[in-house]
Structure formats: C-alpha cells, structure tokens
N, C-alpha and C. Protein backbone atom coordinates (compact mmCIF):
# COMPACT_ATOMS: atom_id res chain seq x y z
N MET A 1 51.75 -25.89 24.88
CA MET A 1 50.70 -26.62 25.14
C MET A 1 49.43 -25.72 24.92
N SER A 2 49.38 -24.85 23.98
CA SER A 2 48.10 -24.03 23.86
C SER A 2 46.75 -24.56 23.91
N ASN A 3 46.51 -26.02 23.87
CA ASN A 3 45.52 -26.56 24.03
C ASN A 3 44.94 -26.62 25.45
N THR A 4 45.63 -26.44 26.44
CA THR A 4 45.07 -26.30 27.90
C THR A 4 44.94 -24.91 28.46
N LYS A 5 45.98 -23.81 27.54
CA LYS A 5 45.40 -22.51 28.03
C LYS A 5 44.12 -22.39 27.15
N ASN A 6 43.84 -22.89 26.32
CA ASN A 6 42.39 -22.58 25.67
C ASN A 6 41.47 -22.79 26.72
N THR A 7 41.50 -24.25 27.13
CA THR A 7 40.69 -24.74 27.99
C THR A 7 40.50 -24.05 29.38
N SER A 8 41.48 -23.53 29.44
CA SER A 8 41.30 -22.70 30.86
C SER A 8 40.56 -21.31 30.63
N GLN A 9 40.75 -20.73 29.40
CA GLN A 9 40.15 -19.57 29.09
C GLN A 9 38.44 -19.76 28.77
N SER A 10 38.23 -21.10 28.13
CA SER A 10 37.00 -21.29 27.76
C SER A 10 35.87 -21.43 29.30
N GLN A 11 36.80 -22.16 30.28
CA GLN A 11 36.07 -22.31 31.55
C GLN A 11 35.69 -21.21 31.97
N SER A 12 37.07 -20.07 31.98
CA SER A 12 36.54 -18.81 32.88
C SER A 12 35.60 -18.01 32.11
N SER A 13 35.29 -18.11 30.87
CA SER A 13 34.47 -17.41 30.20
C SER A 13 33.11 -18.14 30.28
N GLN A 14 32.91 -19.21 30.33
CA GLN A 14 32.07 -20.23 30.94
C GLN A 14 31.17 -19.63 32.38
N LYS A 15 32.39 -19.36 32.97
CA LYS A 15 31.79 -19.26 34.42
C LYS A 15 31.67 -17.82 34.64
N SER A 16 31.97 -16.72 33.55
CA SER A 16 31.37 -15.24 33.50
C SER A 16 30.21 -15.62 33.38
N GLN A 17 29.93 -16.24 32.27
CA GLN A 17 28.39 -16.27 31.46
C GLN A 17 27.56 -16.91 32.28
N ASP A 18 27.99 -18.07 33.15
CA ASP A 18 27.00 -18.56 34.57
C ASP A 18 26.52 -17.57 35.22
N SER A 19 27.62 -16.36 35.85
CA SER A 19 27.13 -15.58 36.85
C SER A 19 26.39 -14.73 36.07
N GLU A 20 26.54 -14.26 34.96
CA GLU A 20 25.54 -13.33 34.51
C GLU A 20 23.94 -13.86 34.29
N ASP A 21 23.99 -15.32 33.93
CA ASP A 21 22.64 -15.79 33.88
C ASP A 21 22.06 -16.07 35.24
N SER A 22 22.94 -16.11 36.17
CA SER A 22 22.23 -16.12 37.60
C SER A 22 21.57 -14.95 38.30
N ARG A 23 22.10 -13.98 37.33
CA ARG A 23 21.44 -12.36 38.04
C ARG A 23 20.07 -12.45 38.21
N PRO A 24 19.61 -11.93 39.24
CA PRO A 24 17.99 -11.57 39.35
C PRO A 24 17.46 -10.97 38.42
N GLU A 25 16.66 -11.41 37.80
CA GLU A 25 15.66 -10.95 36.87
C GLU A 25 15.05 -9.36 37.23
N LYS A 26 14.92 -8.62 36.38
CA LYS A 26 14.42 -7.20 36.64
C LYS A 26 13.02 -7.73 36.85
N GLU A 27 12.60 -6.51 37.84
CA GLU A 27 11.05 -6.47 38.23
C GLU A 27 9.83 -6.76 36.85
N GLU A 28 10.37 -6.00 35.77
CA GLU A 28 9.69 -5.85 34.68
C GLU A 28 9.90 -7.02 34.09
N ASP A 29 10.88 -7.86 33.65
CA ASP A 29 10.96 -8.64 32.96
C ASP A 29 10.57 -10.14 33.80
N SER A 30 9.98 -9.73 34.89
CA SER A 30 9.49 -11.10 35.73
C SER A 30 7.92 -11.20 35.12
N GLN A 31 7.38 -10.15 34.93
CA GLN A 31 5.96 -10.25 34.51
C GLN A 31 5.62 -10.73 32.97
N PRO A 32 4.74 -11.33 32.72
CA PRO A 32 4.22 -11.93 31.40
C PRO A 32 4.27 -10.67 30.46
N LYS A 33 4.77 -10.96 29.43
CA LYS A 33 4.77 -9.91 28.26
C LYS A 33 3.55 -9.24 27.99
N LYS A 34 2.57 -10.20 27.59
CA LYS A 34 1.15 -9.75 27.71
C LYS A 34 0.69 -8.74 28.83
N GLU A 35 1.02 -8.97 30.11
CA GLU A 35 0.37 -8.60 31.03
C GLU A 35 1.11 -7.10 31.29
N ARG A 36 2.46 -7.20 30.62
CA ARG A 36 2.76 -5.53 30.36
C ARG A 36 2.15 -4.88 29.53
N ASP A 37 1.50 -5.40 28.12
CA ASP A 37 1.10 -4.50 27.10
C ASP A 37 -0.55 -4.15 27.31
N VAL A 38 -0.96 -4.64 28.13
CA VAL A 38 -2.24 -4.60 28.48
C VAL A 38 -2.67 -3.06 28.64
N ASN A 39 -1.79 -2.37 29.79
CA ASN A 39 -2.00 -1.17 29.87
C ASN A 39 -1.34 0.13 28.57
N ARG A 40 -0.82 -0.37 27.66
CA ARG A 40 0.02 0.19 26.83
C ARG A 40 -0.97 0.30 25.63
N ARG A 41 -0.96 1.63 25.09
CA ARG A 41 -1.70 1.96 23.94
C ARG A 41 -0.85 1.48 22.60
N PRO A 42 -1.45 1.06 21.68
CA PRO A 42 -0.46 0.77 20.62
C PRO A 42 0.13 1.94 19.69
N THR A 43 1.24 1.46 19.26
CA THR A 43 1.78 2.75 18.09
C THR A 43 1.40 2.68 16.79
N PRO A 44 1.61 3.86 16.28
CA PRO A 44 0.77 4.11 14.88
C PRO A 44 1.09 2.68 13.97
N MET A 45 2.18 2.40 14.02
CA MET A 45 2.59 1.35 13.02
C MET A 45 2.19 0.18 13.29
N GLU A 46 1.99 -0.20 14.69
CA GLU A 46 1.03 -1.45 15.23
C GLU A 46 -0.23 -1.29 14.67
N VAL A 47 -0.94 -0.14 14.94
CA VAL A 47 -2.24 -0.20 14.30
C VAL A 47 -2.52 -0.02 12.87
N LEU A 48 -1.69 0.24 12.28
CA LEU A 48 -1.48 0.06 10.55
C LEU A 48 -1.27 -1.36 10.39
N ARG A 49 -0.52 -2.05 10.87
CA ARG A 49 -0.44 -3.36 10.65
C ARG A 49 -1.47 -4.38 11.29
N GLU A 50 -1.88 -4.04 12.18
CA GLU A 50 -3.28 -4.85 12.56
C GLU A 50 -4.52 -4.51 11.71
N ALA A 51 -4.44 -3.46 11.23
CA ALA A 51 -5.55 -3.24 10.71
C ALA A 51 -5.56 -3.62 9.05
N ARG A 52 -4.59 -3.75 8.85
CA ARG A 52 -4.54 -4.49 7.20
C ARG A 52 -4.42 -5.66 7.62
N ALA A 53 -3.97 -6.76 8.54
CA ALA A 53 -4.18 -8.21 9.15
C ALA A 53 -5.89 -8.42 9.28
N GLN A 54 -6.39 -7.30 9.82
CA GLN A 54 -7.67 -7.79 10.18
C GLN A 54 -8.80 -7.62 9.30
N LEU A 55 -8.43 -7.03 8.44
CA LEU A 55 -9.06 -6.49 6.82
C LEU A 55 -9.10 -7.83 6.13
N ALA A 56 -7.85 -8.00 5.95
CA ALA A 56 -7.75 -9.08 5.08
C ALA A 56 -8.45 -10.60 5.65
N GLU A 57 -8.56 -10.34 6.88
CA GLU A 57 -9.08 -11.51 7.76
C GLU A 57 -10.60 -11.89 7.38
N LEU A 58 -11.00 -10.70 7.70
CA LEU A 58 -12.70 -10.48 7.14
C LEU A 58 -13.02 -10.61 6.22
N THR A 59 -12.21 -9.56 4.94
CA THR A 59 -12.70 -9.93 3.67
C THR A 59 -12.29 -10.68 2.65
N GLY A 60 -10.93 -11.29 3.02
CA GLY A 60 -10.38 -12.16 2.26
C GLY A 60 -9.52 -11.64 1.13
N LEU A 61 -9.55 -10.23 1.42
CA LEU A 61 -8.62 -9.57 0.01
C LEU A 61 -7.55 -9.21 0.65
N VAL A 62 -6.60 -8.91 -0.39
CA VAL A 62 -5.07 -8.66 0.27
C VAL A 62 -5.07 -7.19 -0.13
N PRO A 63 -4.57 -6.25 1.58
CA PRO A 63 -4.37 -4.91 1.29
C PRO A 63 -3.09 -4.79 0.55
N GLU A 64 -2.93 -3.81 -0.17
CA GLU A 64 -1.90 -3.46 -1.14
C GLU A 64 -1.24 -2.21 -0.39
N SER A 65 -1.98 -1.22 -0.12
CA SER A 65 -1.20 0.35 0.57
C SER A 65 -2.36 0.48 1.54
N VAL A 66 -2.08 1.75 2.51
CA VAL A 66 -2.68 2.56 3.04
C VAL A 66 -2.46 4.01 2.63
N SER A 67 -3.92 4.26 2.01
CA SER A 67 -3.82 5.77 1.52
C SER A 67 -3.84 6.74 2.26
N SER A 68 -4.51 6.57 3.59
CA SER A 68 -4.95 7.29 4.70
C SER A 68 -4.88 6.64 5.94
N PHE A 69 -4.46 7.59 6.58
CA PHE A 69 -4.15 7.16 8.24
C PHE A 69 -4.30 8.32 9.20
N GLU A 70 -5.37 8.11 10.05
CA GLU A 70 -5.19 9.56 10.96
C GLU A 70 -6.08 8.98 12.43
N GLN A 71 -5.68 9.56 13.61
CA GLN A 71 -6.31 9.32 14.83
C GLN A 71 -7.28 10.44 14.99
N THR A 72 -8.58 9.59 15.61
CA THR A 72 -9.80 10.09 15.64
C THR A 72 -10.04 10.13 17.11
N ASP A 73 -11.30 10.89 17.57
CA ASP A 73 -11.48 10.88 19.03
C ASP A 73 -11.79 9.65 19.77
N ASP A 74 -12.28 8.61 18.74
CA ASP A 74 -12.53 7.28 18.71
C ASP A 74 -11.73 6.29 18.77
N GLY A 75 -10.70 6.49 18.02
CA GLY A 75 -9.62 5.38 17.84
C GLY A 75 -8.63 5.94 16.66
N TRP A 76 -8.79 5.47 15.38
CA TRP A 76 -8.26 5.60 14.51
C TRP A 76 -9.07 5.36 12.97
N SER A 77 -8.83 6.01 11.98
CA SER A 77 -9.59 5.73 10.62
C SER A 77 -8.37 5.74 9.77
N LEU A 78 -8.72 4.77 8.72
CA LEU A 78 -7.85 4.54 7.94
C LEU A 78 -8.28 4.17 6.46
N GLU A 79 -7.63 4.14 5.16
CA GLU A 79 -8.39 3.88 4.15
C GLU A 79 -7.37 3.06 3.76
N VAL A 80 -8.14 2.04 3.28
CA VAL A 80 -6.90 1.00 2.74
C VAL A 80 -7.09 0.20 1.49
N GLU A 81 -6.07 0.61 0.30
CA GLU A 81 -6.40 -0.10 -1.03
C GLU A 81 -5.90 -1.59 -1.04
N VAL A 82 -7.14 -2.14 -1.60
CA VAL A 82 -6.97 -3.87 -1.70
C VAL A 82 -7.22 -4.16 -3.46
N LEU A 83 -6.49 -5.43 -3.60
CA LEU A 83 -7.18 -6.01 -4.88
C LEU A 83 -8.07 -7.01 -4.91
N GLU A 84 -9.13 -6.48 -5.52
CA GLU A 84 -10.37 -7.16 -5.68
C GLU A 84 -10.54 -8.19 -6.88
N LEU A 85 -9.91 -7.80 -7.77
CA LEU A 85 -9.97 -8.77 -9.10
C LEU A 85 -8.71 -8.63 -9.79
N GLU A 86 -7.99 -10.07 -9.94
CA GLU A 86 -6.85 -9.50 -10.61
C GLU A 86 -6.88 -9.90 -12.11
N ARG A 87 -6.54 -9.07 -12.91
CA ARG A 87 -6.68 -9.37 -14.39
C ARG A 87 -5.28 -9.04 -15.11
N VAL A 88 -5.27 -9.68 -16.37
CA VAL A 88 -4.35 -9.51 -17.37
C VAL A 88 -4.56 -8.36 -18.28
N PRO A 89 -3.83 -7.45 -18.66
CA PRO A 89 -2.43 -7.11 -17.77
C PRO A 89 -3.20 -6.52 -16.59
N ASP A 90 -2.02 -6.23 -15.65
CA ASP A 90 -2.09 -6.05 -14.32
C ASP A 90 -2.89 -4.38 -14.16
N THR A 91 -2.68 -3.82 -15.13
CA THR A 91 -3.24 -2.59 -15.17
C THR A 91 -4.51 -2.61 -15.34
N MET A 92 -5.50 -3.44 -15.33
CA MET A 92 -6.78 -3.72 -15.78
C MET A 92 -7.30 -4.49 -14.29
N SER A 93 -6.50 -4.50 -13.44
CA SER A 93 -7.19 -5.23 -12.28
C SER A 93 -7.87 -4.37 -11.18
N LEU A 94 -8.85 -4.89 -10.67
CA LEU A 94 -10.11 -3.94 -10.08
C LEU A 94 -9.42 -3.71 -8.81
N MET A 95 -9.17 -2.60 -8.30
CA MET A 95 -8.85 -2.25 -6.94
C MET A 95 -10.07 -1.92 -6.24
N ALA A 96 -9.80 -1.70 -5.12
CA ALA A 96 -11.04 -0.99 -4.00
C ALA A 96 -10.21 -0.44 -2.97
N SER A 97 -10.87 0.94 -2.73
CA SER A 97 -10.43 1.69 -1.39
C SER A 97 -11.56 1.36 -0.29
N TYR A 98 -10.99 0.77 0.91
CA TYR A 98 -11.88 0.58 2.12
C TYR A 98 -11.64 1.42 3.02
N GLU A 99 -12.72 2.22 3.53
CA GLU A 99 -12.68 3.03 5.21
C GLU A 99 -12.72 2.01 6.13
N VAL A 100 -11.76 2.13 6.85
CA VAL A 100 -11.64 1.24 8.05
C VAL A 100 -11.41 1.79 9.15
N GLU A 101 -12.28 1.66 10.37
CA GLU A 101 -12.40 2.06 11.67
C GLU A 101 -11.92 1.17 12.53
N LEU A 102 -11.14 1.80 13.51
CA LEU A 102 -10.59 1.17 14.69
C LEU A 102 -10.63 1.92 16.12
N ASP A 103 -10.69 1.04 17.21
CA ASP A 103 -10.93 1.58 18.30
C ASP A 103 -9.65 1.95 18.54
N ALA A 104 -9.45 2.75 19.98
CA ALA A 104 -8.26 3.28 20.82
C ALA A 104 -7.12 1.91 20.83
N GLU A 105 -7.67 0.73 20.94
CA GLU A 105 -6.91 -0.26 21.06
C GLU A 105 -6.14 -0.83 19.77
N GLY A 106 -6.52 -0.42 18.92
CA GLY A 106 -6.52 -0.81 17.15
C GLY A 106 -7.28 -2.02 16.80
N GLN A 107 -8.29 -2.16 17.58
CA GLN A 107 -9.25 -3.69 17.07
C GLN A 107 -10.27 -2.93 16.09
N LEU A 108 -10.57 -3.41 14.80
CA LEU A 108 -11.50 -3.32 14.20
C LEU A 108 -12.85 -3.27 14.19
N THR A 109 -13.69 -2.09 14.19
CA THR A 109 -14.94 -1.77 14.75
C THR A 109 -15.89 -1.88 13.58
N GLY A 110 -15.32 -1.52 12.50
CA GLY A 110 -15.99 -1.43 10.98
C GLY A 110 -15.21 -0.98 9.66
N TYR A 111 -15.97 -1.61 8.86
CA TYR A 111 -15.35 -1.18 7.32
C TYR A 111 -16.47 -1.00 6.46
N ARG A 112 -16.23 -0.21 5.39
CA ARG A 112 -16.68 -0.36 4.30
C ARG A 112 -16.00 0.27 2.65
N ARG A 113 -16.81 -0.24 1.79
CA ARG A 113 -16.11 0.05 0.65
C ARG A 113 -16.56 1.65 -0.03
N VAL A 114 -15.56 2.12 -0.34
CA VAL A 114 -15.51 3.67 -0.56
C VAL A 114 -15.44 3.96 -2.23
N ARG A 115 -14.86 3.02 -2.51
CA ARG A 115 -14.45 3.69 -4.01
C ARG A 115 -13.75 2.18 -4.95
N ARG A 116 -14.37 1.91 -5.80
CA ARG A 116 -13.82 0.90 -6.82
C ARG A 116 -13.45 1.49 -7.95
N TYR A 117 -12.08 0.91 -8.74
CA TYR A 117 -11.43 1.09 -9.79
C TYR A 117 -10.46 0.39 -10.26
N GLU A 118 -10.15 0.66 -11.57
CA GLU A 118 -9.05 -0.25 -12.25
C GLU A 118 -7.93 0.66 -11.93
N ARG A 119 -7.05 -0.63 -11.82
CA ARG A 119 -5.39 -0.50 -11.22
C ARG A 119 -4.77 1.08 -12.05
N GLY A 120 -4.94 0.79 -13.43
CA GLY A 120 -4.08 1.99 -14.12
C GLY A 120 -5.21 3.17 -14.26
N ARG A 121 -6.17 3.35 -13.76
CA ARG A 121 -6.75 4.56 -14.03
C ARG A 121 -6.76 5.87 -13.04
N ALA A 122 -6.21 6.79 -13.27
CA ALA A 122 -6.35 7.91 -12.37
C ALA A 122 -7.60 8.28 -11.96
N ASP A 123 -7.72 9.00 -11.08
CA ASP A 123 -8.79 9.75 -10.34
C ASP A 123 -8.91 11.16 -11.56
N ALA A 124 -10.46 11.36 -11.70
CA ALA A 124 -10.82 12.23 -12.29
C ALA A 124 -10.63 13.35 -11.90
N ARG A 125 -9.83 14.57 -12.81
CA ARG A 125 -9.82 15.96 -12.15
C ARG A 125 -10.64 16.46 -11.76
N ARG A 126 -10.57 17.47 -10.77
CA ARG A 126 -12.00 18.26 -10.06
C ARG A 126 -11.46 19.80 -10.41
N GLY A 127 -12.49 20.26 -10.63
CA GLY A 127 -12.09 21.64 -10.87
C GLY A 127 -12.68 22.41 -12.29
N GLY A 128 -13.04 21.37 -12.92
CA GLY A 128 -13.56 21.81 -14.45
C GLY A 128 -12.66 21.95 -15.65
N ARG A 129 -11.72 21.52 -15.53
CA ARG A 129 -10.51 21.78 -16.44
C ARG A 129 -10.66 20.54 -17.25
C-alpha cells in the first residue's frame, strides 16, 4: 500500500510548509517595497535603464546604446545613441547622440542632441592626418 505511505508523506510535507508560512515576517519585509526604496540611491544600472526609458518617452526615439556614462556632482550624465530616421540600407539610417542629464535620484532633468550622423559613417579623424 504505497499509496497510504505517499499520502502520509504529503501530509507531513504540507504541515512543515504551513509552519514555514506561519513564521513571523521580518521587520524589513513588513514595510512596503516603495517605502524601503525611498531612502536608497539608485544603482548605476538602474540609472542607465531609467535614463533610456525616460528619453524614449520624451522624444519618441528608440535608444540603441549608451556611449558615455558618468556620475557628476549633481547626479548623472550620459550620452545616448538613438535611431532618428530608419533608411534602407541600414547603414544609411540617421543616428543621433543625445546628452542626457539626471539628478541624483535618476530623474531626467534635461537632454539635448549633440551630434547627428549616418549609421555607417565613422567619426572624422583628429590630428591632421
């Protein structure tokens, strides 16, 4: 009668699971997540993701990459590459670099386009060669 054995094992397994579920919550877990996050500074990756999302929402353009990212005295500064005008072939698509400024909490405070270029075009060499 292995069926009976399995049933009693299931019941004891269920009891141990129930006792784990009835353990008191940690003090930290009882606070709402948002409340815990208020006093925490965002990580660089969170800032980067938020910057891309906020820029996309404001401009309607799709960020493709971040070419520059640094922490400043006032928050964060990024240079984000976006697709401005899709063309065929793809190497003829128009790209743009946007300078994006964020405060210490990762909220976008300003942006401006600093460069526009064709996707397949390299930067001009500097230095006179």
